[in-house]
Amino acid sequence: MQITKIKIRNFRCFGEETTIYLSRLTTLIGANSSGKTALIHALLKLFGTRPSDRELVRDDFHVPHFSVQAEQELECTIEVRIDFPELLSTDQLIAKKSVPPFFNQLVIDRPGEVPHLRIRLTGKWSPSNTPEGEVEQNLNFVTVPEGEDETNALTRVSPHQRSAIQMIYVPAIREPLTQLKNASGTILYRILKKIKWPENMDELIRNNMKPVNDLFDGIEDIAQIKDVIQHDLCTSIQ
């Protein structure tokens, strides 16, 4: 699976529709305010691991230079193309494991070409009685190739489908420990979630920990500390 293309329109510094092609290893080089960070955040709006990363706000909508935001609606779109070249492999096992089984929206441009997904985020900002206004956003699969009629071709991306593709962004900041902690925690959670734990895991832990607890209970000083903690806990609850 590989994101090969992203199209951005009216998102932050991107005004008119801009298409950016990505390879297996892509480096973004440009001057300050040229759109490097905006591109990363566009991907976060689709595949960020936190709800706050995926939420569009007023400042995400492009306003042209030398223009004051008028009392009118603003719209933006972010669309990605995700290719699955593994599906062309003669190894059926590789093809089977490359695509989550609940993705049924793959399209191809022509017979024999790489199957791909088109995922599009659309947002609309409307003025309201608050300074931030109101933002509506929708995330959909586009189930036809580019250039074809998209009437009745949009299918909502469910939360379960969305979580199958995740982007972890570690910004280049002077104090990256907090961000690295969140990123590593996300990765560790995904690993632990995939482990097939025994159904009686809680009981196994209690039974195996009992000798350890008995050992500590036999040490007088530790037993006194335990009694003090339990007494203070009961007192605070009361």
Protein backbone atom coordinates (compact mmCIF):
# COMPACT_ATOMS: atom_id res chain seq x y z
CA MET A 1 0.00 0.00 0.00
CA GLN A 2 1.33 3.43 -0.89
CA ILE A 3 -0.07 6.95 -1.03
CA THR A 4 0.94 8.06 -4.51
CA LYS A 5 -0.93 11.32 -4.99
CA ILE A 6 -2.55 14.07 -2.97
CA LYS A 7 -4.76 16.83 -4.35
CA ILE A 8 -5.38 19.91 -2.22
CA ARG A 9 -7.71 22.83 -2.85
CA ASN A 10 -8.36 25.84 -0.59
CA PHE A 11 -6.51 24.33 2.37
CA ARG A 12 -4.28 26.75 4.29
CA CYS A 13 -1.69 28.19 1.86
CA PHE A 14 -2.99 26.08 -1.03
CA GLY A 15 -5.56 28.03 -3.03
CA GLU A 16 -6.18 26.64 -6.49
CA GLU A 17 -6.12 22.87 -6.77
CA THR A 18 -2.58 21.53 -6.39
CA THR A 19 -1.54 17.95 -7.16
CA ILE A 20 1.51 16.45 -5.47
CA TYR A 21 2.93 13.05 -6.41
CA LEU A 22 4.56 10.90 -3.76
CA SER A 23 7.00 8.01 -4.11
CA ARG A 24 8.03 5.32 -1.63
CA LEU A 25 10.46 7.82 -0.11
CA THR A 26 9.52 11.47 -0.54
CA THR A 27 11.48 14.50 0.66
CA LEU A 28 9.81 17.92 0.85
CA ILE A 29 12.21 20.80 0.17
CA GLY A 30 11.16 24.43 0.03
CA ALA A 31 11.38 27.87 1.56
CA ASN A 32 9.50 28.89 4.67
CA SER A 33 5.74 29.21 4.12
CA SER A 34 5.94 27.28 0.85
CA GLY A 35 3.46 24.64 2.02
CA LYS A 36 5.59 21.79 3.42
CA THR A 37 3.89 21.71 6.82
CA ALA A 38 0.48 22.38 5.26
CA LEU A 39 0.89 19.26 3.13
CA ILE A 40 1.71 17.16 6.20
CA HIS A 41 -1.30 18.56 8.05
CA ALA A 42 -3.52 17.84 5.05
CA LEU A 43 -2.63 14.16 5.42
CA LEU A 44 -3.22 14.41 9.17
CA LYS A 45 -6.75 15.66 8.53
CA LEU A 46 -7.45 12.34 6.84
CA PHE A 47 -5.36 9.86 8.81
CA GLY A 48 -4.32 11.48 12.11
CA THR A 49 -4.48 9.22 15.16
CA ARG A 50 -6.11 11.86 17.39
CA PRO A 51 -9.55 13.44 16.86
CA SER A 52 -8.00 16.90 17.21
CA ASP A 53 -5.65 16.15 14.29
CA ARG A 54 -8.59 15.24 12.04
CA GLU A 55 -10.83 18.21 12.87
CA LEU A 56 -11.04 21.07 10.40
CA VAL A 57 -11.11 24.58 11.88
CA ARG A 58 -11.62 28.02 10.34
CA ASP A 59 -7.89 28.67 9.92
CA ASP A 60 -7.60 25.58 7.72
CA PHE A 61 -9.60 27.29 4.96
CA HIS A 62 -7.61 29.27 2.43
CA VAL A 63 -8.13 33.01 2.22
CA PRO A 64 -6.34 34.77 -0.70
CA HIS A 65 -3.57 37.28 -0.01
CA PHE A 66 -4.62 40.91 0.40
CA SER A 67 -8.16 39.76 1.13
CA VAL A 68 -10.29 40.08 4.23
CA GLN A 69 -12.44 37.04 4.92
CA ALA A 70 -15.94 38.04 3.91
CA GLU A 71 -19.16 36.83 5.42
CA GLN A 72 -19.43 33.95 2.97
CA GLU A 73 -18.99 30.21 2.87
CA LEU A 74 -15.54 28.71 2.27
CA GLU A 75 -14.88 25.22 0.98
CA CYS A 76 -11.80 23.01 0.85
CA THR A 77 -11.00 19.51 -0.40
CA ILE A 78 -8.18 17.07 0.28
CA GLU A 79 -8.03 13.89 -1.78
CA VAL A 80 -5.48 11.10 -1.74
CA ARG A 81 -4.89 8.17 -4.06
CA ILE A 82 -3.67 4.99 -2.37
CA ASP A 83 -2.22 2.35 -4.68
CA PHE A 84 -2.10 -1.38 -3.94
CA PRO A 85 0.61 -2.76 -6.28
CA GLU A 86 0.68 -5.93 -4.13
CA LEU A 87 -2.59 -6.95 -5.76
CA LEU A 88 -0.75 -7.47 -9.06
CA SER A 89 1.60 -9.97 -7.41
CA THR A 90 1.37 -13.62 -8.43
CA ASP A 91 1.77 -14.52 -4.77
CA GLN A 92 -1.83 -14.86 -3.59
CA LEU A 93 -0.80 -14.67 0.09
CA ILE A 94 0.81 -11.25 -0.39
CA ALA A 95 -2.26 -10.00 -2.25
CA LYS A 96 -4.58 -11.35 0.43
CA LYS A 97 -2.73 -9.64 3.30
CA SER A 98 -2.19 -6.31 1.57
CA VAL A 99 -5.75 -4.97 1.73
CA PRO A 100 -8.06 -4.91 4.76
CA PRO A 101 -11.05 -7.16 3.95
CA PHE A 102 -13.56 -4.37 4.56
CA PHE A 103 -12.19 -2.15 1.75
CA ASN A 104 -14.65 -2.72 -1.09
CA GLN A 105 -14.14 0.58 -2.90
CA LEU A 106 -11.07 -0.15 -5.03
CA VAL A 107 -11.09 1.23 -8.57
CA ILE A 108 -8.85 0.85 -11.63
CA ASP A 109 -8.31 3.27 -14.48
CA ARG A 110 -7.84 0.53 -17.08
CA PRO A 111 -7.67 -3.28 -17.10
CA GLY A 112 -4.32 -4.54 -15.83
CA GLU A 113 -3.40 -1.36 -13.95
CA VAL A 114 -2.81 -1.00 -10.21
CA PRO A 115 -6.01 -1.02 -8.11
CA HIS A 116 -6.31 2.03 -5.91
CA LEU A 117 -8.47 3.87 -3.42
CA ARG A 118 -9.61 7.46 -3.75
CA ILE A 119 -10.39 9.05 -0.38
CA ARG A 120 -11.65 12.63 -0.28
CA LEU A 121 -12.18 14.98 2.64
CA THR A 122 -14.49 17.91 1.95
CA GLY A 123 -15.01 20.78 4.35
CA LYS A 124 -17.26 23.82 4.42
CA TRP A 125 -16.94 26.82 6.71
CA SER A 126 -20.01 28.98 7.28
CA PRO A 127 -20.29 32.21 9.28
CA SER A 128 -22.32 32.09 12.47
CA ASN A 129 -22.82 34.00 15.70
CA THR A 130 -19.36 32.92 16.92
CA PRO A 131 -15.97 34.10 15.59
CA GLU A 132 -14.99 30.54 14.65
CA GLY A 133 -18.13 29.98 12.60
CA GLU A 134 -19.42 26.50 11.81
CA VAL A 135 -17.47 23.79 10.04
CA GLU A 136 -18.94 20.75 8.29
CA GLN A 137 -16.70 17.98 7.01
CA ASN A 138 -17.21 14.65 5.28
CA LEU A 139 -14.82 11.84 4.44
CA ASN A 140 -15.78 9.66 1.49
CA PHE A 141 -14.48 7.06 -0.89
CA VAL A 142 -14.76 8.09 -4.53
CA THR A 143 -15.69 4.86 -6.28
CA VAL A 144 -15.00 5.83 -9.91
CA PRO A 145 -11.71 6.66 -11.70
CA GLU A 146 -10.71 10.30 -12.06
CA GLY A 147 -12.54 12.11 -14.83
CA GLU A 148 -15.69 10.00 -14.68
CA ASP A 149 -19.10 11.14 -13.50
CA GLU A 150 -19.12 11.18 -9.68
CA THR A 151 -22.89 11.27 -9.30
CA ASN A 152 -23.75 8.59 -6.73
CA ALA A 153 -20.04 7.70 -6.54
CA LEU A 154 -19.35 8.86 -2.98
CA THR A 155 -19.40 6.33 -0.13
CA ARG A 156 -18.86 7.37 3.48
CA VAL A 157 -15.64 6.20 5.13
CA SER A 158 -16.55 4.53 8.42
CA PRO A 159 -14.44 5.08 11.57
CA HIS A 160 -13.33 1.45 11.37
CA GLN A 161 -12.11 1.88 7.80
CA ARG A 162 -10.44 5.16 8.62
CA SER A 163 -8.47 3.64 11.50
CA ALA A 164 -6.93 1.07 9.14
CA ILE A 165 -4.70 3.86 7.75
CA GLN A 166 -2.90 5.93 10.35
CA MET A 167 -0.36 8.72 10.11
CA ILE A 168 1.99 9.44 13.01
CA TYR A 169 3.55 12.90 12.78
CA VAL A 170 6.62 13.75 14.85
CA PRO A 171 7.38 17.46 14.28
CA ALA A 172 10.93 18.81 14.39
CA ILE A 173 10.73 20.71 17.69
CA ARG A 174 13.29 21.41 20.39
CA GLU A 175 11.34 19.40 22.99
CA PRO A 176 10.18 16.33 21.05
CA LEU A 177 9.86 14.01 24.07
CA THR A 178 6.13 14.56 24.51
CA GLN A 179 5.38 13.95 20.84
CA LEU A 180 7.64 10.90 20.75
CA LYS A 181 5.89 9.54 23.82
CA ASN A 182 2.51 9.86 22.11
CA ALA A 183 3.82 8.26 18.92
CA SER A 184 5.48 5.34 20.68
CA GLY A 185 2.37 4.86 22.82
CA THR A 186 0.23 4.63 19.70
CA ILE A 187 2.53 2.04 18.13
CA LEU A 188 2.70 0.01 21.36
CA TYR A 189 -1.11 0.08 21.67
CA ARG A 190 -1.50 -1.31 18.14
CA ILE A 191 0.99 -4.09 18.87
CA LEU A 192 -0.63 -5.08 22.18
CA LYS A 193 -4.10 -4.96 20.63
CA LYS A 194 -3.08 -7.56 18.03
CA ILE A 195 -1.83 -10.06 20.62
CA LYS A 196 -4.17 -13.02 21.10
CA TRP A 197 -4.45 -13.01 24.88
CA PRO A 198 -5.83 -16.11 26.66
CA GLU A 199 -9.48 -15.68 27.60
CA ASN A 200 -8.65 -16.35 31.29
CA MET A 201 -5.70 -13.91 31.31
CA ASP A 202 -6.94 -12.06 34.42
CA GLU A 203 -7.21 -15.29 36.37
CA LEU A 204 -3.76 -16.44 35.23
CA ILE A 205 -2.22 -13.15 36.38
CA ARG A 206 -3.87 -13.38 39.80
CA ASN A 207 -2.77 -17.00 40.31
CA ASN A 208 0.81 -16.37 39.22
CA MET A 209 1.12 -13.17 41.24
CA LYS A 210 -0.11 -14.78 44.47
CA PRO A 211 3.30 -16.29 45.43
CA VAL A 212 4.93 -12.88 44.82
CA ASN A 213 2.32 -11.12 46.98
CA ASP A 214 2.73 -13.74 49.72
CA LEU A 215 6.50 -13.21 49.61
CA PHE A 216 6.16 -9.45 50.09
CA ASP A 217 3.49 -9.90 52.78
CA GLY A 218 6.03 -11.97 54.74
CA ILE A 219 8.39 -8.99 54.96
CA GLU A 220 7.41 -7.00 58.04
CA ASP A 221 8.51 -3.57 56.81
CA ILE A 222 6.67 -3.93 53.51
CA ALA A 223 3.57 -5.18 55.31
CA GLN A 224 3.61 -2.03 57.49
CA ILE A 225 3.90 0.21 54.41
CA LYS A 226 1.00 -1.67 52.82
CA ASP A 227 -1.15 -1.17 55.93
CA VAL A 228 -0.39 2.59 55.98
CA ILE A 229 -1.30 2.97 52.29
CA GLN A 230 -4.53 1.03 52.71
CA HIS A 231 -5.45 3.08 55.81
CA ASP A 232 -4.79 6.42 54.03
CA LEU A 233 -6.74 5.25 50.99
CA CYS A 234 -9.77 4.25 53.08
CA THR A 235 -9.59 7.57 54.96
CA SER A 236 -9.50 9.62 51.73
CA ILE A 237 -12.49 7.69 50.34
CA GLN A 238 -14.53 8.31 53.47
